[in-house]
Amino acid sequence: MKTDPTRPQGRTHTLLSQGVDDTQPLITGHKLVAAVFRHKRLLTFPAALGLLVGLVIAIKAPNVYESNGVFLVRNGGENIVVNPLPSEGNSGGWSQGMNITQNAETILLSDVVAKRVIKRVGPSVIMTPYRPKLPQSARNTLFSQLRGLVYDLQNDIHQAGYERKCTMRNAIKAFHDGLTVEIPPRSNLIHVSYQGHNRLVAKQILETYMEEARRYHLEVYDDASSVKLLESTHREAQEQLEAAKAARSAFVKSHGISDFDAEFAAAKAAHEEQLADIRRLKSGIANRKLMLGVLAKRLKKINRFVEVEERVTEPNPRVAVLRTHILEIEAKLRDLHGRVKPTDPQIVLLQRQLADSNAELERELKVPPVVRNFKRQKDNVEYSGTKKTIEDTKLALVLDENALNVSKAGVQAAEAEFERYKSLEPEYTVLTKQVARLTSKVESSAAGLEVAKEKQLLGDRSISTLKVLDEASTPMMQIGPDRYRILIGGTLAGLFIGLVLVFLRAVTDQTLRTPDDIERLLGVKMLATVPQLNSKHIRRHRRLRITGWY
């Protein structure tokens, strides 16, 4: 098979994968290696990008120095709460059932100690940023200049927003993030350490912290002053509570109210009910007016009378005449029977006429009656029903309007009552909250006083101590970050991404590149290949031919 000399060497038209053996592997190692060399840029670009990202992270990461110190704890005989006095971050003391080592750890991690340290050294020292600088003994070399540029860049990065971040809240968070307290099992030693971006600042902060922690630990176990202060606080809280309750009762009685919450809720419910009735009545009136308009239009389209056609059977007039005639003859016969004989010619004549009339009446009755269709007008039922509905709706509308007027008068009274309670609510709420706060204060002070009295029973012989065994050390070496590891990790991650991209490119590439690809696709052997005849390949061909002769 010949290749097109105008195409690059080793490339042919991309063919459909007809006849490909499904048992072949997805990609061979030879193809993968060839793809790596063929797509070198696809491999090197992610690696360079990963190296650049690692370099940025390494430059932005500040140096970390750690100062260490050790406390020695002498256990006393107590097993109760360490501090019953409410303080900042501690509303009612710590939970009971903690031994002295756990109590000491709780004291060391408290916000009270942290705030004391920050007040002594200042938030700006706690929030001190990373400020690298060249040593004075550094020579003026290219490496030193490059190193100075990197240090200047790091200073700009970490100095940004420094003054804005120097607040007590941020300083407390930064202090707790840098502080570590460790207690080895079955030991009276407490190891403390502080990590900072400056070795001297880290040592200064830890020294101050150890002094304040020891001082606060002694204050916590001063039982006599705690009991006296708690007794005074408890009495004062009780007096304030009684005064607050009396002020609330006087306020309620001055406005003629017995139970403010219940009466206020009832006034609010009545006001809402009146408003709901008004809304319902207004909605009903609007619907009725709309209904009246619809019915009026409908009534105009309906005829008041309708024309109906009826079948009427007309009686035979001859029958009525004959019956009347028969009655007259019978009347005459009854009159003559009393005065003449039955054989009298008049009676005979009347009897003959009566028989003839009856016979004629029978003949007329046999004649079928005459049926006629008559048209007449009568009242329209639909018109009458619509008119009655309109009248009923008008009546209901009048009743609703009257009820609305009554409800408006009622809602005005309910609203006035509700507004009165509403105007009194803020002052009543303030008094109620004050009573609740003082009640909680009395309960808290009573609980603290009880615990303090229990502590006082232990005596001075069981007081625990917290001593400094090892002073805060001066960090000599930085503990992080490992910038070389960051750079190597970024480069390896970029190489891995590049290898994945090369693998995907090799798997999805269907281009025929070697004679084996053509034989596998077509199922026939290759007889020969025609190389691309440019100057480079001609020189290579001659070199191989000469080598073959020998």
Protein backbone atom coordinates (compact mmCIF):
# COMPACT_ATOMS: atom_id res chain seq x y z
CA MET A 1 0.00 0.00 0.00
CA LYS A 2 1.37 3.41 -0.95
CA THR A 3 1.15 6.53 1.15
CA ASP A 4 0.44 10.00 -0.10
CA PRO A 5 3.83 11.82 -0.42
CA THR A 6 2.11 15.15 0.30
CA ARG A 7 1.16 13.98 3.81
CA PRO A 8 3.51 13.81 6.83
CA GLN A 9 5.35 10.52 7.30
CA GLY A 10 3.43 7.76 8.99
CA ARG A 11 -0.04 9.39 8.62
CA THR A 12 -2.96 8.17 6.53
CA HIS A 13 -6.66 8.98 6.45
CA THR A 14 -8.51 8.30 9.69
CA LEU A 15 -10.73 5.22 9.07
CA LEU A 16 -13.71 3.84 10.84
CA SER A 17 -13.04 1.09 13.30
CA GLN A 18 -14.56 -1.65 11.13
CA GLY A 19 -13.38 -5.13 11.78
CA VAL A 20 -11.38 -4.20 14.88
CA ASP A 21 -10.78 -7.14 17.18
CA ASP A 22 -12.60 -6.61 20.46
CA THR A 23 -10.05 -8.81 22.24
CA GLN A 24 -7.27 -6.27 21.68
CA PRO A 25 -6.25 -4.22 24.78
CA LEU A 26 -7.43 -0.62 25.08
CA ILE A 27 -3.90 0.68 24.56
CA THR A 28 -0.50 -0.98 24.47
CA GLY A 29 2.55 0.18 26.34
CA HIS A 30 4.31 0.90 23.04
CA LYS A 31 1.46 3.17 21.90
CA LEU A 32 1.41 4.92 25.28
CA VAL A 33 5.17 5.63 25.15
CA ALA A 34 4.84 6.84 21.57
CA ALA A 35 1.95 9.10 22.61
CA VAL A 36 4.07 10.55 25.44
CA PHE A 37 6.83 11.51 22.99
CA ARG A 38 4.30 12.69 20.41
CA HIS A 39 2.42 14.93 22.89
CA LYS A 40 5.34 16.29 24.89
CA ARG A 41 3.67 19.69 25.20
CA LEU A 42 0.52 18.14 26.64
CA LEU A 43 2.74 16.61 29.34
CA THR A 44 5.07 19.48 30.07
CA PHE A 45 2.48 22.25 30.24
CA PRO A 46 0.50 20.80 33.24
CA ALA A 47 3.82 19.98 34.96
CA ALA A 48 4.99 23.57 34.52
CA LEU A 49 1.59 24.84 35.68
CA GLY A 50 1.75 22.60 38.77
CA LEU A 51 5.26 23.85 39.52
CA LEU A 52 4.01 27.44 39.20
CA VAL A 53 1.07 26.80 41.53
CA GLY A 54 3.38 25.14 44.05
CA LEU A 55 5.74 28.11 43.80
CA VAL A 56 2.89 30.55 44.53
CA ILE A 57 1.75 28.47 47.52
CA ALA A 58 5.31 28.19 48.82
CA ILE A 59 5.81 31.96 48.57
CA LYS A 60 2.48 32.75 50.26
CA ALA A 61 2.98 30.24 53.11
CA PRO A 62 4.57 32.01 56.12
CA ASN A 63 7.29 30.53 58.32
CA VAL A 64 6.05 29.01 61.59
CA TYR A 65 8.08 28.96 64.82
CA GLU A 66 7.04 27.10 67.99
CA SER A 67 7.88 28.05 71.57
CA ASN A 68 7.39 25.36 74.24
CA GLY A 69 6.89 25.34 78.02
CA VAL A 70 5.86 22.90 80.77
CA PHE A 71 3.58 23.27 83.83
CA LEU A 72 3.75 21.04 86.91
CA VAL A 73 0.37 20.35 88.58
CA ARG A 74 0.13 19.41 92.28
CA ASN A 75 -3.17 17.63 92.83
CA GLY A 76 -5.25 18.58 95.84
CA GLY A 77 -8.08 16.57 97.38
CA GLU A 78 -10.98 18.31 95.71
CA ASN A 79 -13.30 17.00 93.04
CA ILE A 80 -15.69 19.89 92.40
CA VAL A 81 -16.21 22.80 90.04
CA VAL A 82 -13.09 24.94 89.72
CA ASN A 83 -14.73 28.37 89.64
CA PRO A 84 -18.32 29.03 90.75
CA LEU A 85 -18.04 32.76 90.02
CA PRO A 86 -19.60 33.91 86.73
CA SER A 87 -17.01 35.50 84.49
CA GLU A 88 -16.44 36.30 80.84
CA GLY A 89 -17.11 33.16 78.85
CA ASN A 90 -18.19 31.31 82.04
CA SER A 91 -21.74 32.11 83.16
CA GLY A 92 -21.92 29.63 86.00
CA GLY A 93 -18.61 27.81 86.43
CA TRP A 94 -17.42 24.52 84.95
CA SER A 95 -19.14 21.21 85.49
CA GLN A 96 -18.53 19.19 88.65
CA GLY A 97 -16.79 15.86 88.74
CA MET A 98 -13.49 17.05 87.14
CA ASN A 99 -10.13 16.31 88.72
CA ILE A 100 -7.54 19.03 89.18
CA THR A 101 -5.64 18.18 85.98
CA GLN A 102 -8.80 18.56 83.91
CA ASN A 103 -9.62 21.75 85.82
CA ALA A 104 -6.17 23.14 85.06
CA GLU A 105 -6.59 22.36 81.37
CA THR A 106 -9.96 24.13 81.39
CA ILE A 107 -8.37 27.18 82.99
CA LEU A 108 -5.50 27.18 80.51
CA LEU A 109 -7.90 27.13 77.54
CA SER A 110 -10.36 29.72 78.93
CA ASP A 111 -11.06 33.02 77.19
CA VAL A 112 -10.31 34.86 80.45
CA VAL A 113 -6.63 33.95 80.23
CA ALA A 114 -6.57 34.70 76.51
CA LYS A 115 -8.03 38.19 77.03
CA ARG A 116 -5.56 38.93 79.81
CA VAL A 117 -2.65 37.94 77.57
CA ILE A 118 -3.97 40.06 74.71
CA LYS A 119 -4.46 43.07 76.99
CA ARG A 120 -0.85 42.78 78.15
CA VAL A 121 0.90 42.29 74.80
CA GLY A 122 -1.72 43.99 72.60
CA PRO A 123 -3.75 42.61 69.65
CA SER A 124 -1.12 43.88 67.19
CA VAL A 125 1.48 41.50 68.69
CA ILE A 126 -0.89 38.52 68.54
CA MET A 127 -1.74 39.34 64.91
CA THR A 128 1.92 39.99 63.96
CA PRO A 129 2.26 39.00 60.28
CA TYR A 130 5.15 37.16 58.67
CA ARG A 131 7.92 39.71 57.97
CA PRO A 132 10.96 38.03 56.42
CA LYS A 133 14.13 40.07 55.90
CA LEU A 134 17.66 39.43 54.74
CA PRO A 135 20.33 39.12 57.43
CA GLN A 136 22.76 42.01 57.62
CA SER A 137 25.65 39.70 56.82
CA ALA A 138 24.12 38.69 53.46
CA ARG A 139 26.36 39.36 50.48
CA ASN A 140 25.27 41.45 47.53
CA THR A 141 24.95 38.57 45.10
CA LEU A 142 22.37 37.68 42.46
CA PHE A 143 20.93 35.00 44.76
CA SER A 144 20.64 37.52 47.61
CA GLN A 145 18.91 40.01 45.34
CA LEU A 146 16.45 37.35 44.16
CA ARG A 147 15.89 36.28 47.74
CA GLY A 148 15.26 39.92 48.72
CA LEU A 149 12.64 40.25 45.96
CA VAL A 150 10.84 37.16 47.27
CA TYR A 151 10.93 38.53 50.83
CA ASP A 152 9.52 41.86 49.64
CA LEU A 153 6.71 40.01 47.87
CA GLN A 154 5.94 37.99 51.02
CA ASN A 155 5.90 41.17 53.11
CA ASP A 156 3.40 42.77 50.73
CA ILE A 157 1.19 39.69 50.82
CA HIS A 158 1.08 39.25 54.61
CA GLN A 159 1.05 42.96 55.46
CA ALA A 160 -2.18 43.58 53.48
CA GLY A 161 -5.09 44.42 55.82
CA TYR A 162 -2.96 43.93 58.96
CA GLU A 163 -4.23 47.03 60.80
CA ARG A 164 -7.85 46.22 59.99
CA LYS A 165 -7.50 42.70 61.43
CA CYS A 166 -6.07 43.89 64.79
CA THR A 167 -9.29 43.50 66.80
CA MET A 168 -9.90 41.71 70.09
CA ARG A 169 -12.14 39.12 68.43
CA ASN A 170 -9.60 38.24 65.73
CA ALA A 171 -6.79 38.27 68.29
CA ILE A 172 -8.62 35.76 70.55
CA LYS A 173 -9.22 33.45 67.59
CA ALA A 174 -5.60 33.72 66.42
CA PHE A 175 -4.36 33.11 69.98
CA HIS A 176 -6.42 29.92 70.38
CA ASP A 177 -5.35 28.74 66.90
CA GLY A 178 -1.67 29.08 67.84
CA LEU A 179 -1.97 27.66 71.38
CA THR A 180 -1.69 23.93 72.11
CA VAL A 181 -2.19 22.30 75.53
CA GLU A 182 -1.25 18.61 75.92
CA ILE A 183 -1.54 16.43 79.05
CA PRO A 184 0.29 13.08 78.84
CA PRO A 185 -1.56 10.10 80.38
CA ARG A 186 -0.83 9.43 84.06
CA SER A 187 1.36 12.52 84.40
CA ASN A 188 1.30 15.75 86.40
CA LEU A 189 2.96 17.65 83.57
CA ILE A 190 1.09 19.91 81.17
CA HIS A 191 2.92 20.78 77.94
CA VAL A 192 1.98 24.09 76.35
CA SER A 193 3.22 25.48 73.05
CA TYR A 194 2.52 28.50 70.91
CA GLN A 195 3.13 28.82 67.16
CA GLY A 196 3.84 32.21 65.61
CA HIS A 197 5.45 33.75 62.55
CA ASN A 198 8.25 35.36 64.56
CA ARG A 199 10.46 33.40 66.98
CA LEU A 200 10.80 36.22 69.51
CA VAL A 201 7.11 37.11 69.40
CA ALA A 202 6.16 33.44 69.92
CA LYS A 203 8.39 33.28 73.01
CA GLN A 204 7.02 36.59 74.38
CA ILE A 205 3.40 35.49 73.97
CA LEU A 206 4.01 32.10 75.62
CA GLU A 207 5.87 33.67 78.57
CA THR A 208 3.02 36.12 79.15
CA TYR A 209 0.48 33.31 78.79
CA MET A 210 2.18 31.10 81.39
CA GLU A 211 2.32 33.99 83.89
CA GLU A 212 -1.35 34.89 83.42
CA ALA A 213 -2.47 31.24 83.53
CA ARG A 214 -0.69 30.67 86.84
CA ARG A 215 -2.10 33.90 88.29
CA TYR A 216 -5.65 33.07 87.18
CA HIS A 217 -5.30 29.53 88.57
CA LEU A 218 -4.55 30.97 92.01
CA GLU A 219 -7.51 33.36 91.76
CA VAL A 220 -9.83 30.50 90.89
CA TYR A 221 -9.07 28.63 94.12
CA ASP A 222 -9.53 31.63 96.45
CA ASP A 223 -12.59 30.23 98.25
CA ALA A 224 -13.15 32.80 101.05
CA SER A 225 -13.44 35.78 98.76
CA SER A 226 -15.67 33.76 96.44
CA VAL A 227 -18.15 32.96 99.22
CA LYS A 228 -18.33 36.56 100.45
CA LEU A 229 -18.74 37.94 96.96
CA LEU A 230 -21.41 35.38 96.11
CA GLU A 231 -23.38 36.08 99.30
CA SER A 232 -23.35 39.79 98.54
CA THR A 233 -24.30 39.15 94.91
CA HIS A 234 -27.14 36.81 95.94
CA ARG A 235 -28.62 39.31 98.41
CA GLU A 236 -28.39 42.13 95.91
CA ALA A 237 -30.03 39.98 93.21
CA GLN A 238 -32.91 39.08 95.57
CA GLU A 239 -33.51 42.74 96.45
CA GLN A 240 -33.46 43.73 92.79
CA LEU A 241 -35.89 40.91 91.96
CA GLU A 242 -38.38 41.98 94.64
CA ALA A 243 -38.17 45.60 93.48
CA ALA A 244 -38.75 44.56 89.85
CA LYS A 245 -41.80 42.44 90.78
CA ALA A 246 -43.26 45.32 92.82
CA ALA A 247 -42.73 47.77 89.93
CA ARG A 248 -44.48 45.41 87.50
CA SER A 249 -47.44 44.89 89.85
CA ALA A 250 -47.82 48.65 90.42
CA PHE A 251 -47.71 49.28 86.67
CA VAL A 252 -50.43 46.70 85.98
CA LYS A 253 -52.72 47.91 88.78
CA SER A 254 -52.37 51.56 87.79
CA HIS A 255 -54.03 50.76 84.46
CA GLY A 256 -56.83 48.63 85.94
CA ILE A 257 -55.48 45.33 84.66
CA SER A 258 -55.42 42.09 86.63
CA ASP A 259 -53.68 39.74 84.15
CA PHE A 260 -51.92 41.69 81.40
CA ASP A 261 -50.94 38.73 79.19
CA ALA A 262 -54.42 37.10 79.22
CA GLU A 263 -56.31 40.39 78.75
CA PHE A 264 -53.96 41.56 76.02
CA ALA A 265 -54.38 38.25 74.19
CA ALA A 266 -58.19 38.49 74.55
CA ALA A 267 -58.22 42.09 73.24
CA LYS A 268 -56.03 41.09 70.31
CA ALA A 269 -58.28 38.08 69.50
CA ALA A 270 -61.45 40.26 69.70
CA HIS A 271 -59.90 42.89 67.45
CA GLU A 272 -58.83 40.28 64.90
CA GLU A 273 -62.28 38.68 65.04
CA GLN A 274 -63.98 42.04 64.39
CA LEU A 275 -61.64 42.72 61.49
CA ALA A 276 -62.37 39.24 60.10
CA ASP A 277 -66.13 39.92 60.33
CA ILE A 278 -65.73 43.23 58.50
CA ARG A 279 -63.68 41.57 55.78
CA ARG A 280 -66.27 38.84 55.46
CA LEU A 281 -69.17 41.32 55.29
CA LYS A 282 -67.38 43.52 52.75
CA SER A 283 -66.62 40.49 50.65
CA GLY A 284 -70.28 39.36 50.90
CA ILE A 285 -71.57 42.86 49.97
CA ALA A 286 -69.25 43.04 46.99
CA ASN A 287 -70.36 39.58 45.85
CA ARG A 288 -74.04 40.48 46.24
CA LYS A 289 -73.62 43.70 44.27
CA LEU A 290 -71.85 41.80 41.56
CA MET A 291 -74.60 39.18 41.64
CA LEU A 292 -77.28 41.91 41.37
CA GLY A 293 -75.59 43.34 38.31
CA VAL A 294 -75.46 39.94 36.68
CA LEU A 295 -79.10 39.18 37.54
CA ALA A 296 -80.24 42.59 36.25
CA LYS A 297 -78.56 41.97 32.90
CA ARG A 298 -80.01 38.51 32.81
CA LEU A 299 -83.52 39.80 33.63
CA LYS A 300 -83.39 42.21 30.68
CA LYS A 301 -82.79 39.30 28.32
CA ILE A 302 -85.73 37.25 29.66
CA ASN A 303 -89.31 37.81 28.37
CA ARG A 304 -91.89 38.43 31.04
CA PHE A 305 -94.56 36.32 29.23
CA VAL A 306 -94.29 33.25 27.05
CA GLU A 307 -96.73 32.17 24.32
CA VAL A 308 -98.13 28.64 24.74
CA GLU A 309 -100.27 26.60 22.37
CA GLU A 310 -103.12 24.51 23.86
CA ARG A 311 -105.48 21.91 22.30
CA VAL A 312 -109.11 22.71 23.24
CA THR A 313 -112.02 20.33 22.59
CA GLU A 314 -115.10 22.32 21.65
CA PRO A 315 -118.44 20.80 22.85
CA ASN A 316 -121.27 20.06 20.31
CA PRO A 317 -123.75 23.01 20.68
CA ARG A 318 -126.57 20.83 19.40
CA VAL A 319 -126.19 18.51 22.43
CA ALA A 320 -126.68 21.41 24.87
CA VAL A 321 -129.74 22.64 22.93
CA LEU A 322 -131.25 19.16 22.85
CA ARG A 323 -130.66 18.64 26.57
CA THR A 324 -132.31 21.97 27.33
CA HIS A 325 -135.22 21.08 25.06
CA ILE A 326 -135.57 17.71 26.74
CA LEU A 327 -135.64 19.35 30.16
CA GLU A 328 -138.35 21.76 29.02
CA ILE A 329 -140.48 18.90 27.65
CA GLU A 330 -140.04 16.93 30.88
CA ALA A 331 -141.10 20.00 32.85
CA LYS A 332 -144.21 20.42 30.75
CA LEU A 333 -145.10 16.73 31.12
CA ARG A 334 -144.83 16.95 34.90
CA ASP A 335 -147.05 20.00 34.83
CA LEU A 336 -149.70 18.31 32.63
CA HIS A 337 -149.77 15.05 34.55
CA GLY A 338 -151.42 16.77 37.42
CA ARG A 339 -154.13 18.45 35.39
CA VAL A 340 -155.05 16.13 32.47
CA LYS A 341 -155.28 12.48 31.74
CA PRO A 342 -152.38 10.47 30.41
CA THR A 343 -154.20 9.89 27.19
CA ASP A 344 -154.60 13.54 26.55
CA PRO A 345 -153.37 14.51 23.09
CA GLN A 346 -151.03 17.15 24.60
CA ILE A 347 -149.31 14.55 26.76
CA VAL A 348 -149.05 12.13 23.87
CA LEU A 349 -147.56 14.87 21.70
CA LEU A 350 -145.05 15.86 24.36
CA GLN A 351 -144.06 12.20 24.91
CA ARG A 352 -143.50 11.79 21.18
CA GLN A 353 -141.40 14.97 21.11
CA LEU A 354 -139.43 13.75 24.15
CA ALA A 355 -138.68 10.40 22.46
CA ASP A 356 -137.60 12.16 19.26
CA SER A 357 -135.39 14.57 21.20
CA ASN A 358 -133.71 11.72 23.10
CA ALA A 359 -133.12 9.84 19.91
CA GLU A 360 -131.63 12.91 18.30
CA LEU A 361 -129.46 13.53 21.44
CA GLU A 362 -128.05 10.02 21.16
CA ARG A 363 -127.15 10.61 17.55
CA GLU A 364 -125.46 13.92 18.37
CA LEU A 365 -123.48 12.33 21.19
CA LYS A 366 -122.10 9.83 18.72
CA VAL A 367 -120.73 12.60 16.57
CA PRO A 368 -116.88 13.11 17.38
CA PRO A 369 -116.08 16.44 19.13
CA VAL A 370 -114.26 19.26 17.33
CA VAL A 371 -110.62 19.85 18.61
CA ARG A 372 -109.01 23.27 18.02
CA ASN A 373 -105.48 24.70 18.83
CA PHE A 374 -105.48 27.96 20.73
CA LYS A 375 -102.40 30.21 21.50
CA ARG A 376 -102.21 32.28 24.65
CA GLN A 377 -99.64 34.10 26.84
CA LYS A 378 -98.75 33.14 30.37
CA ASP A 379 -96.20 34.25 33.02
CA ASN A 380 -92.52 33.17 32.36
CA VAL A 381 -91.31 31.01 35.27
CA GLU A 382 -87.63 31.93 34.65
CA TYR A 383 -88.48 35.63 34.71
CA SER A 384 -90.45 35.26 37.94
CA GLY A 385 -87.63 33.22 39.61
CA THR A 386 -84.93 35.69 38.56
CA LYS A 387 -86.98 38.63 39.81
CA LYS A 388 -87.55 36.92 43.14
CA THR A 389 -83.82 36.15 43.43
CA ILE A 390 -83.06 39.83 42.81
CA GLU A 391 -85.48 40.87 45.52
CA ASP A 392 -84.00 38.35 48.00
CA THR A 393 -80.45 39.50 47.15
CA LYS A 394 -81.39 43.15 47.67
CA LEU A 395 -82.87 42.27 51.04
CA ALA A 396 -79.72 40.33 52.04
CA LEU A 397 -77.58 43.25 50.83
CA VAL A 398 -79.45 45.65 53.07
CA LEU A 399 -79.04 43.28 56.03
CA ASP A 400 -75.28 42.92 55.34
CA GLU A 401 -74.82 46.69 55.09
CA ASN A 402 -76.60 47.15 58.40
CA ALA A 403 -74.43 44.42 59.95
CA LEU A 404 -71.33 46.10 58.50
CA ASN A 405 -72.22 49.39 60.14
CA VAL A 406 -72.71 47.60 63.45
CA SER A 407 -69.36 45.76 63.03
CA LYS A 408 -67.56 49.01 62.23
CA ALA A 409 -68.79 50.48 65.46
CA GLY A 410 -67.70 47.32 67.31
CA VAL A 411 -64.27 47.21 65.67
CA GLN A 412 -63.62 50.80 66.69
CA ALA A 413 -64.18 49.88 70.31
CA ALA A 414 -62.10 46.68 70.00
CA GLU A 415 -59.33 48.57 68.22
CA ALA A 416 -59.25 51.24 70.90
CA GLU A 417 -58.93 48.55 73.58
CA PHE A 418 -56.25 46.71 71.61
CA GLU A 419 -54.27 49.92 71.02
CA ARG A 420 -54.40 50.66 74.71
CA TYR A 421 -52.83 47.30 75.56
CA LYS A 422 -50.39 47.65 72.68
CA SER A 423 -49.17 51.02 73.94
CA LEU A 424 -48.59 49.47 77.37
CA GLU A 425 -46.87 46.34 76.00
CA PRO A 426 -43.29 47.76 75.55
CA GLU A 427 -43.08 48.97 79.14
CA TYR A 428 -44.67 45.76 80.46
CA THR A 429 -42.26 43.67 78.34
CA VAL A 430 -39.27 45.56 79.73
CA LEU A 431 -40.49 44.95 83.27
CA THR A 432 -41.16 41.26 82.58
CA LYS A 433 -37.74 40.73 80.99
CA GLN A 434 -36.13 42.44 83.95
CA VAL A 435 -37.97 40.12 86.34
CA ALA A 436 -36.92 37.06 84.27
CA ARG A 437 -33.29 38.21 84.12
CA LEU A 438 -33.17 38.87 87.85
CA THR A 439 -34.84 35.52 88.57
CA SER A 440 -32.16 33.76 86.54
CA LYS A 441 -29.49 35.79 88.30
CA VAL A 442 -30.86 34.81 91.73
CA GLU A 443 -30.95 31.12 90.77
CA SER A 444 -27.43 31.26 89.35
CA SER A 445 -26.03 33.08 92.37
CA ALA A 446 -27.75 30.62 94.73
CA ALA A 447 -26.22 27.65 92.88
CA GLY A 448 -22.79 29.30 92.85
CA LEU A 449 -23.02 30.13 96.53
CA GLU A 450 -23.85 26.52 97.38
CA VAL A 451 -20.87 25.24 95.39
CA ALA A 452 -18.56 27.85 96.90
CA LYS A 453 -19.57 26.79 100.42
CA GLU A 454 -18.83 23.17 99.55
CA LYS A 455 -15.41 24.21 98.28
CA GLN A 456 -14.69 26.12 101.46
CA LEU A 457 -15.19 22.95 103.52
CA LEU A 458 -12.17 21.34 101.85
CA GLY A 459 -9.74 23.61 103.68
CA ASP A 460 -6.45 25.10 102.68
CA ARG A 461 -4.59 21.79 102.91
CA SER A 462 -6.22 20.48 99.73
CA ILE A 463 -5.58 23.53 97.52
CA SER A 464 -3.99 22.57 94.22
CA THR A 465 -1.12 24.46 92.60
CA LEU A 466 0.08 25.09 89.08
CA LYS A 467 3.83 25.78 88.80
CA VAL A 468 6.02 26.63 85.83
CA LEU A 469 8.53 23.79 85.36
CA ASP A 470 10.11 24.87 82.05
CA GLU A 471 10.06 28.49 80.92
CA ALA A 472 9.02 29.37 77.37
CA SER A 473 11.79 28.37 74.98
CA THR A 474 13.21 30.47 72.12
CA PRO A 475 12.50 28.76 68.77
CA MET A 476 15.72 28.19 66.84
CA MET A 477 14.35 26.47 63.74
CA GLN A 478 11.14 26.88 61.83
CA ILE A 479 8.72 23.97 61.93
CA GLY A 480 7.07 24.77 58.62
CA PRO A 481 6.24 25.04 55.85
CA ASP A 482 8.26 22.50 53.80
CA ARG A 483 8.54 24.54 50.60
CA TYR A 484 10.53 21.87 48.72
CA ARG A 485 7.77 19.35 49.35
CA ILE A 486 5.18 21.87 48.15
CA LEU A 487 7.11 22.44 44.89
CA ILE A 488 7.68 18.71 44.30
CA GLY A 489 4.02 17.96 45.08
CA GLY A 490 2.79 20.62 42.65
CA THR A 491 5.08 19.33 39.89
CA LEU A 492 4.05 15.69 40.44
CA ALA A 493 0.37 16.67 40.43
CA GLY A 494 0.88 18.52 37.13
CA LEU A 495 2.73 15.50 35.66
CA PHE A 496 -0.09 13.19 36.74
CA ILE A 497 -2.69 15.43 35.09
CA GLY A 498 -0.52 15.55 31.94
CA LEU A 499 -0.24 11.74 31.87
CA VAL A 500 -4.02 11.44 32.22
CA LEU A 501 -4.52 13.85 29.31
CA VAL A 502 -1.96 11.97 27.16
CA PHE A 503 -3.64 8.65 28.00
CA LEU A 504 -7.07 10.00 27.03
CA ARG A 505 -5.64 11.45 23.83
CA ALA A 506 -3.98 8.12 22.95
CA VAL A 507 -7.14 6.10 23.70
CA THR A 508 -9.39 8.31 21.58
CA ASP A 509 -6.87 8.66 18.68
CA GLN A 510 -8.01 6.45 15.73
CA THR A 511 -5.31 7.59 13.29
CA LEU A 512 -3.39 4.83 11.45
CA ARG A 513 0.30 5.35 12.13
CA THR A 514 2.10 2.02 11.55
CA PRO A 515 1.79 -0.90 9.11
CA ASP A 516 0.56 -3.04 12.02
CA ASP A 517 -2.39 -0.69 12.45
CA ILE A 518 -3.32 -1.11 8.77
CA GLU A 519 -2.94 -4.92 8.88
CA ARG A 520 -5.07 -5.13 12.04
CA LEU A 521 -7.79 -2.99 10.45
CA LEU A 522 -7.91 -4.54 6.96
CA GLY A 523 -6.85 -8.09 7.80
CA VAL A 524 -4.27 -8.31 4.95
CA LYS A 525 -0.48 -8.32 4.91
CA MET A 526 1.54 -5.28 3.88
CA LEU A 527 3.67 -5.84 0.78
CA ALA A 528 5.67 -2.64 0.87
CA THR A 529 5.65 0.97 2.02
CA VAL A 530 6.77 4.02 0.09
CA PRO A 531 8.64 6.50 2.29
CA GLN A 532 8.15 10.22 2.08
CA LEU A 533 10.96 11.52 -0.19
CA ASN A 534 12.22 14.72 1.37
CA SER A 535 15.87 15.58 1.94
CA LYS A 536 15.91 14.34 5.53
CA HIS A 537 14.45 10.93 4.71
CA ILE A 538 16.62 10.52 1.58
CA ARG A 539 19.76 10.93 3.68
CA ARG A 540 18.45 8.44 6.22
CA HIS A 541 17.55 5.97 3.46
CA ARG A 542 21.04 6.18 1.91
CA ARG A 543 22.67 5.65 5.30
CA LEU A 544 20.60 2.55 5.96
CA ARG A 545 21.25 1.19 2.46
CA ILE A 546 25.04 1.62 2.74
CA THR A 547 24.97 -0.01 6.17
CA GLY A 548 23.00 -2.92 4.75
CA TRP A 549 25.63 -3.61 2.06
CA TYR A 550 28.21 -4.36 4.66
